[in-house]
C-alpha atoms as a PDB file:
ATOM      1  CA  MET A   1      49.737  66.721  39.636  1.00  0.00           C
ATOM      2  CA  ALA A   2      51.760  68.564  36.958  1.00  0.00           C
ATOM      3  CA  ASP A   3      55.549  68.591  37.174  1.00  0.00           C
ATOM      4  CA  ALA A   4      57.041  71.645  38.819  1.00  0.00           C
ATOM      5  CA  TYR A   5      59.117  73.853  36.550  1.00  0.00           C
ATOM      6  CA  ILE A   6      62.830  73.042  36.679  1.00  0.00           C
ATOM      7  CA  PRO A   7      65.326  75.334  34.883  1.00  0.00           C
ATOM      8  CA  ARG A   8      66.979  73.767  31.842  1.00  0.00           C
ATOM      9  CA  LEU A   9      70.537  73.916  33.213  1.00  0.00           C
ATOM     10  CA  LYS A  10      69.516  72.498  36.592  1.00  0.00           C
ATOM     11  CA  ARG A  11      67.877  69.526  34.897  1.00  0.00           C
ATOM     12  CA  ASP A  12      70.965  69.101  32.702  1.00  0.00           C
ATOM     13  CA  TYR A  13      73.188  69.138  35.805  1.00  0.00           C
ATOM     14  CA  ASN A  14      71.052  66.540  37.617  1.00  0.00           C
ATOM     15  CA  GLU A  15      70.654  64.218  34.638  1.00  0.00           C
ATOM     16  CA  ARG A  16      74.008  64.424  32.825  1.00  0.00           C
ATOM     17  CA  LEU A  17      76.694  66.630  34.319  1.00  0.00           C
ATOM     18  CA  ARG A  18      76.756  65.170  37.829  1.00  0.00           C
ATOM     19  CA  GLU A  19      77.346  61.682  36.414  1.00  0.00           C
ATOM     20  CA  GLU A  20      80.077  62.867  34.011  1.00  0.00           C
ATOM     21  CA  MET A  21      81.959  64.669  36.789  1.00  0.00           C
ATOM     22  CA  THR A  22      81.716  61.629  39.078  1.00  0.00           C
ATOM     23  CA  LYS A  23      83.413  59.559  36.360  1.00  0.00           C
ATOM     24  CA  GLU A  24      86.031  62.229  35.608  1.00  0.00           C
ATOM     25  CA  PHE A  25      87.119  62.908  39.198  1.00  0.00           C
ATOM     26  CA  GLY A  26      86.157  59.599  40.850  1.00  0.00           C
ATOM     27  CA  TYR A  27      83.829  60.907  43.545  1.00  0.00           C
ATOM     28  CA  THR A  28      82.493  58.278  45.930  1.00  0.00           C
ATOM     29  CA  ASN A  29      79.561  60.319  47.246  1.00  0.00           C
ATOM     30  CA  VAL A  30      76.950  62.385  45.385  1.00  0.00           C
ATOM     31  CA  MET A  31      77.542  65.301  47.775  1.00  0.00           C
ATOM     32  CA  GLN A  32      81.208  65.527  46.704  1.00  0.00           C
ATOM     33  CA  VAL A  33      80.246  66.527  43.162  1.00  0.00           C
ATOM     34  CA  PRO A  34      80.734  70.298  42.735  1.00  0.00           C
ATOM     35  CA  ARG A  35      77.651  72.393  41.984  1.00  0.00           C
ATOM     36  CA  LEU A  36      76.793  76.049  41.522  1.00  0.00           C
ATOM     37  CA  ASP A  37      76.377  77.699  44.914  1.00  0.00           C
ATOM     38  CA  LYS A  38      75.476  81.307  44.081  1.00  0.00           C
ATOM     39  CA  ILE A  39      76.046  84.107  41.601  1.00  0.00           C
ATOM     40  CA  VAL A  40      76.811  87.646  42.710  1.00  0.00           C
ATOM     41  CA  LEU A  41      76.174  90.513  40.290  1.00  0.00           C
ATOM     42  CA  ASN A  42      77.846  93.802  41.110  1.00  0.00           C
ATOM     43  CA  MET A  43      77.746  97.258  39.514  1.00  0.00           C
ATOM     44  CA  GLY A  44      80.052 100.000  40.709  1.00  0.00           C
ATOM     45  CA  VAL A  45      78.636 103.457  40.047  1.00  0.00           C
ATOM     46  CA  GLY A  46      81.450 105.877  40.786  1.00  0.00           C
ATOM     47  CA  GLU A  47      79.663 108.795  39.102  1.00  0.00           C
ATOM     48  CA  SER A  48      77.032 108.666  41.839  1.00  0.00           C
ATOM     49  CA  VAL A  49      79.240 110.983  43.922  1.00  0.00           C
ATOM     50  CA  ASN A  50      77.997 113.881  41.786  1.00  0.00           C
ATOM     51  CA  ASP A  51      74.500 112.551  41.020  1.00  0.00           C
ATOM     52  CA  SER A  52      72.775 110.182  43.443  1.00  0.00           C
ATOM     53  CA  LYS A  53      70.029 109.356  40.897  1.00  0.00           C
ATOM     54  CA  LYS A  54      72.557 107.298  38.922  1.00  0.00           C
ATOM     55  CA  VAL A  55      72.696 104.626  41.636  1.00  0.00           C
ATOM     56  CA  GLN A  56      68.921 104.257  41.516  1.00  0.00           C
ATOM     57  CA  SER A  57      69.028 103.960  37.736  1.00  0.00           C
ATOM     58  CA  ALA A  58      71.730 101.268  37.998  1.00  0.00           C
ATOM     59  CA  ALA A  59      69.690  99.464  40.674  1.00  0.00           C
ATOM     60  CA  ASP A  60      66.624  99.459  38.411  1.00  0.00           C
ATOM     61  CA  ASP A  61      68.636  98.017  35.512  1.00  0.00           C
ATOM     62  CA  LEU A  62      70.306  95.369  37.689  1.00  0.00           C
ATOM     63  CA  GLY A  63      66.900  94.449  39.090  1.00  0.00           C
ATOM     64  CA  LEU A  64      65.641  93.813  35.548  1.00  0.00           C
ATOM     65  CA  ILE A  65      68.698  91.684  34.696  1.00  0.00           C
ATOM     66  CA  ALA A  66      68.640  89.631  37.911  1.00  0.00           C
ATOM     67  CA  GLY A  67      64.892  89.349  38.406  1.00  0.00           C
ATOM     68  CA  GLN A  68      65.134  90.387  42.044  1.00  0.00           C
ATOM     69  CA  LYS A  69      65.697  93.619  43.956  1.00  0.00           C
ATOM     70  CA  PRO A  70      69.365  94.629  44.339  1.00  0.00           C
ATOM     71  CA  VAL A  71      70.994  96.073  47.450  1.00  0.00           C
ATOM     72  CA  ILE A  72      72.509  99.559  47.286  1.00  0.00           C
ATOM     73  CA  ILE A  73      76.111  99.563  48.540  1.00  0.00           C
ATOM     74  CA  LYS A  74      77.291 102.537  50.566  1.00  0.00           C
ATOM     75  CA  ALA A  75      80.868 103.781  51.038  1.00  0.00           C
ATOM     76  CA  ARG A  76      82.570 102.506  54.199  1.00  0.00           C
ATOM     77  CA  LYS A  77      85.154 105.274  54.372  1.00  0.00           C
ATOM     78  CA  SER A  78      85.462 108.881  53.285  1.00  0.00           C
ATOM     79  CA  ILE A  79      88.024 109.572  50.550  1.00  0.00           C
ATOM     80  CA  ALA A  80      88.622 113.276  50.015  1.00  0.00           C
ATOM     81  CA  THR A  81      90.415 112.837  46.673  1.00  0.00           C
ATOM     82  CA  TYR A  82      87.256 111.359  45.142  1.00  0.00           C
ATOM     83  CA  LYS A  83      84.886 113.696  47.044  1.00  0.00           C
ATOM     84  CA  LEU A  84      83.469 110.555  48.653  1.00  0.00           C
ATOM     85  CA  ARG A  85      81.906 110.602  52.107  1.00  0.00           C
ATOM     86  CA  GLU A  86      81.120 107.679  54.348  1.00  0.00           C
ATOM     87  CA  GLY A  87      77.605 106.379  53.753  1.00  0.00           C
ATOM     88  CA  MET A  88      77.260 107.692  50.180  1.00  0.00           C
ATOM     89  CA  PRO A  89      75.757 105.172  47.720  1.00  0.00           C
ATOM     90  CA  ILE A  90      78.476 103.949  45.319  1.00  0.00           C
ATOM     91  CA  GLY A  91      77.169 100.718  43.802  1.00  0.00           C
ATOM     92  CA  VAL A  92      74.558  97.962  43.694  1.00  0.00           C
ATOM     93  CA  LYS A  93      74.749  94.203  44.051  1.00  0.00           C
ATOM     94  CA  VAL A  94      72.453  91.203  44.018  1.00  0.00           C
ATOM     95  CA  THR A  95      73.002  87.560  44.989  1.00  0.00           C
ATOM     96  CA  LEU A  96      71.189  84.872  43.008  1.00  0.00           C
ATOM     97  CA  ARG A  97      70.632  81.358  44.305  1.00  0.00           C
ATOM     98  CA  LYS A  98      68.717  78.200  43.295  1.00  0.00           C
ATOM     99  CA  ASP A  99      66.392  78.471  40.259  1.00  0.00           C
ATOM    100  CA  ARG A 100      67.039  82.184  39.583  1.00  0.00           C
ATOM    101  CA  MET A 101      70.765  81.457  39.498  1.00  0.00           C
ATOM    102  CA  TYR A 102      70.339  78.706  36.873  1.00  0.00           C
ATOM    103  CA  GLU A 103      68.038  80.925  34.797  1.00  0.00           C
ATOM    104  CA  PHE A 104      70.609  83.737  34.891  1.00  0.00           C
ATOM    105  CA  VAL A 105      73.476  81.444  33.852  1.00  0.00           C
ATOM    106  CA  ASP A 106      71.371  80.192  30.955  1.00  0.00           C
ATOM    107  CA  ARG A 107      70.684  83.744  29.744  1.00  0.00           C
ATOM    108  CA  LEU A 108      74.315  84.773  30.288  1.00  0.00           C
ATOM    109  CA  ILE A 109      75.724  81.929  28.175  1.00  0.00           C
ATOM    110  CA  THR A 110      73.120  81.709  25.418  1.00  0.00           C
ATOM    111  CA  ILE A 111      72.121  85.366  24.960  1.00  0.00           C
ATOM    112  CA  ALA A 112      74.344  87.949  26.692  1.00  0.00           C
ATOM    113  CA  LEU A 113      77.886  86.710  25.995  1.00  0.00           C
ATOM    114  CA  PRO A 114      77.296  86.167  22.255  1.00  0.00           C
ATOM    115  CA  ARG A 115      76.077  89.798  22.057  1.00  0.00           C
ATOM    116  CA  VAL A 116      79.312  91.182  23.547  1.00  0.00           C
ATOM    117  CA  ARG A 117      81.379  93.048  20.957  1.00  0.00           C
ATOM    118  CA  ASP A 118      84.704  91.403  19.983  1.00  0.00           C
ATOM    119  CA  PHE A 119      84.019  88.454  22.279  1.00  0.00           C
ATOM    120  CA  ARG A 120      86.798  85.865  22.041  1.00  0.00           C
ATOM    121  CA  GLY A 121      85.866  83.648  24.960  1.00  0.00           C
ATOM    122  CA  LEU A 122      86.228  83.791  28.735  1.00  0.00           C
ATOM    123  CA  SER A 123      89.665  83.740  30.322  1.00  0.00           C
ATOM    124  CA  PRO A 124      90.379  80.354  31.913  1.00  0.00           C
ATOM    125  CA  LYS A 125      92.668  82.175  34.375  1.00  0.00           C
ATOM    126  CA  SER A 126      89.856  84.073  36.115  1.00  0.00           C
ATOM    127  CA  PHE A 127      89.501  81.490  38.897  1.00  0.00           C
ATOM    128  CA  ASP A 128      90.426  82.457  42.462  1.00  0.00           C
ATOM    129  CA  GLY A 129      92.071  79.207  43.599  1.00  0.00           C
ATOM    130  CA  ARG A 130      89.017  78.054  45.551  1.00  0.00           C
ATOM    131  CA  GLY A 131      86.740  77.137  42.655  1.00  0.00           C
ATOM    132  CA  ASN A 132      85.081  80.526  42.087  1.00  0.00           C
ATOM    133  CA  PHE A 133      85.036  82.295  38.713  1.00  0.00           C
ATOM    134  CA  ALA A 134      84.747  86.017  38.014  1.00  0.00           C
ATOM    135  CA  LEU A 135      84.077  87.849  34.777  1.00  0.00           C
ATOM    136  CA  GLY A 136      83.501  91.446  33.862  1.00  0.00           C
ATOM    137  CA  ILE A 137      81.015  92.735  31.319  1.00  0.00           C
ATOM    138  CA  LYS A 138      81.751  96.214  29.933  1.00  0.00           C
ATOM    139  CA  GLU A 139      78.197  97.015  28.860  1.00  0.00           C
ATOM    140  CA  HIS A 140      75.128  95.906  30.810  1.00  0.00           C
ATOM    141  CA  ILE A 141      72.968  96.459  27.718  1.00  0.00           C
ATOM    142  CA  VAL A 142      73.929  93.017  26.315  1.00  0.00           C
ATOM    143  CA  PHE A 143      71.148  91.518  28.437  1.00  0.00           C
ATOM    144  CA  PRO A 144      67.785  91.231  26.648  1.00  0.00           C
ATOM    145  CA  GLU A 145      65.846  92.671  29.624  1.00  0.00           C
ATOM    146  CA  ILE A 146      67.421  96.083  29.113  1.00  0.00           C
ATOM    147  CA  ASN A 147      65.691  98.350  26.602  1.00  0.00           C
ATOM    148  CA  TYR A 148      68.571 100.144  24.861  1.00  0.00           C
ATOM    149  CA  ASP A 149      66.432 103.214  24.048  1.00  0.00           C
ATOM    150  CA  LYS A 150      65.530 103.844  27.685  1.00  0.00           C
ATOM    151  CA  VAL A 151      69.066 103.521  29.085  1.00  0.00           C
ATOM    152  CA  SER A 152      70.534 106.846  30.205  1.00  0.00           C
ATOM    153  CA  GLU A 153      74.025 105.497  30.810  1.00  0.00           C
ATOM    154  CA  ILE A 154      75.932 102.277  30.118  1.00  0.00           C
ATOM    155  CA  TRP A 155      77.603 100.595  33.084  1.00  0.00           C
ATOM    156  CA  GLY A 156      79.950  97.680  33.422  1.00  0.00           C
ATOM    157  CA  MET A 157      79.207  94.863  35.797  1.00  0.00           C
ATOM    158  CA  ASP A 158      80.969  91.992  37.532  1.00  0.00           C
ATOM    159  CA  VAL A 159      79.587  88.458  37.566  1.00  0.00           C
ATOM    160  CA  ILE A 160      81.034  86.151  40.229  1.00  0.00           C
ATOM    161  CA  VAL A 161      80.117  82.483  39.913  1.00  0.00           C
ATOM    162  CA  CYS A 162      80.613  80.684  43.235  1.00  0.00           C
ATOM    163  CA  THR A 163      80.828  76.893  43.156  1.00  0.00           C
ATOM    164  CA  THR A 164      81.290  74.245  45.834  1.00  0.00           C
ATOM    165  CA  ALA A 165      84.362  72.900  43.985  1.00  0.00           C
ATOM    166  CA  PRO A 166      87.509  72.728  46.144  1.00  0.00           C
ATOM    167  CA  THR A 167      89.893  73.280  43.191  1.00  0.00           C
ATOM    168  CA  ASP A 168      89.945  75.388  40.046  1.00  0.00           C
ATOM    169  CA  ASP A 169      90.209  72.317  37.792  1.00  0.00           C
ATOM    170  CA  GLU A 170      86.985  70.860  39.183  1.00  0.00           C
ATOM    171  CA  ALA A 171      85.229  74.235  38.889  1.00  0.00           C
ATOM    172  CA  ARG A 172      86.492  74.680  35.322  1.00  0.00           C
ATOM    173  CA  SER A 173      85.156  71.228  34.433  1.00  0.00           C
ATOM    174  CA  LEU A 174      81.785  72.095  36.008  1.00  0.00           C
ATOM    175  CA  LEU A 175      81.496  75.386  34.100  1.00  0.00           C
ATOM    176  CA  LYS A 176      82.592  73.737  30.830  1.00  0.00           C
ATOM    177  CA  GLY A 177      79.774  71.262  31.418  1.00  0.00           C
ATOM    178  CA  PHE A 178      77.409  74.242  31.549  1.00  0.00           C
ATOM    179  CA  ASN A 179      78.880  75.388  28.163  1.00  0.00           C
ATOM    180  CA  PHE A 180      80.808  78.409  29.460  1.00  0.00           C
ATOM    181  CA  PRO A 181      82.775  79.578  26.383  1.00  0.00           C
ATOM    182  CA  PHE A 182      86.363  79.428  27.686  1.00  0.00           C
ATOM    183  CA  ARG A 183      89.287  80.471  25.491  1.00  0.00           C
ATOM    184  CA  THR A 184      91.720  77.704  24.612  1.00  0.00           C
END
């Protein structure tokens, strides 16, 4: 029987990174070693108040980037100042796990981030205290799945990397092992 396909970063984690982190932090059990839990991609589309087609366009683009269908987020409350009513679509999000998550991280690090204009590295301060890391991307067109000529509008997006690490130092070490380009 042929070997099942395993994403490059997942194989790297299993073969190299897990062992390195065990040595660095002195874990006694394999299950203590932090790992990637999930990645949440989020696009806020505030302009959808005036034009509801924009949310669908953002959902299509996010679906191409993530490789799975995103969920359309609706407003929880009405805000008169922004002409926003409860239940109006205002954004899209998608949660990636397992192999899709590793594939996305690989594309993010090797293709998308190097294409960002004036990129000087990720902020090492963007951890939340519980081992999760968040970054914002100003233009979603840095991903190779998006055809620049067919894009009607450029949106920013948030990428939240959730790990099982209990502290920021352990999470930072994990992400550095995956070659996240942190600023020094």
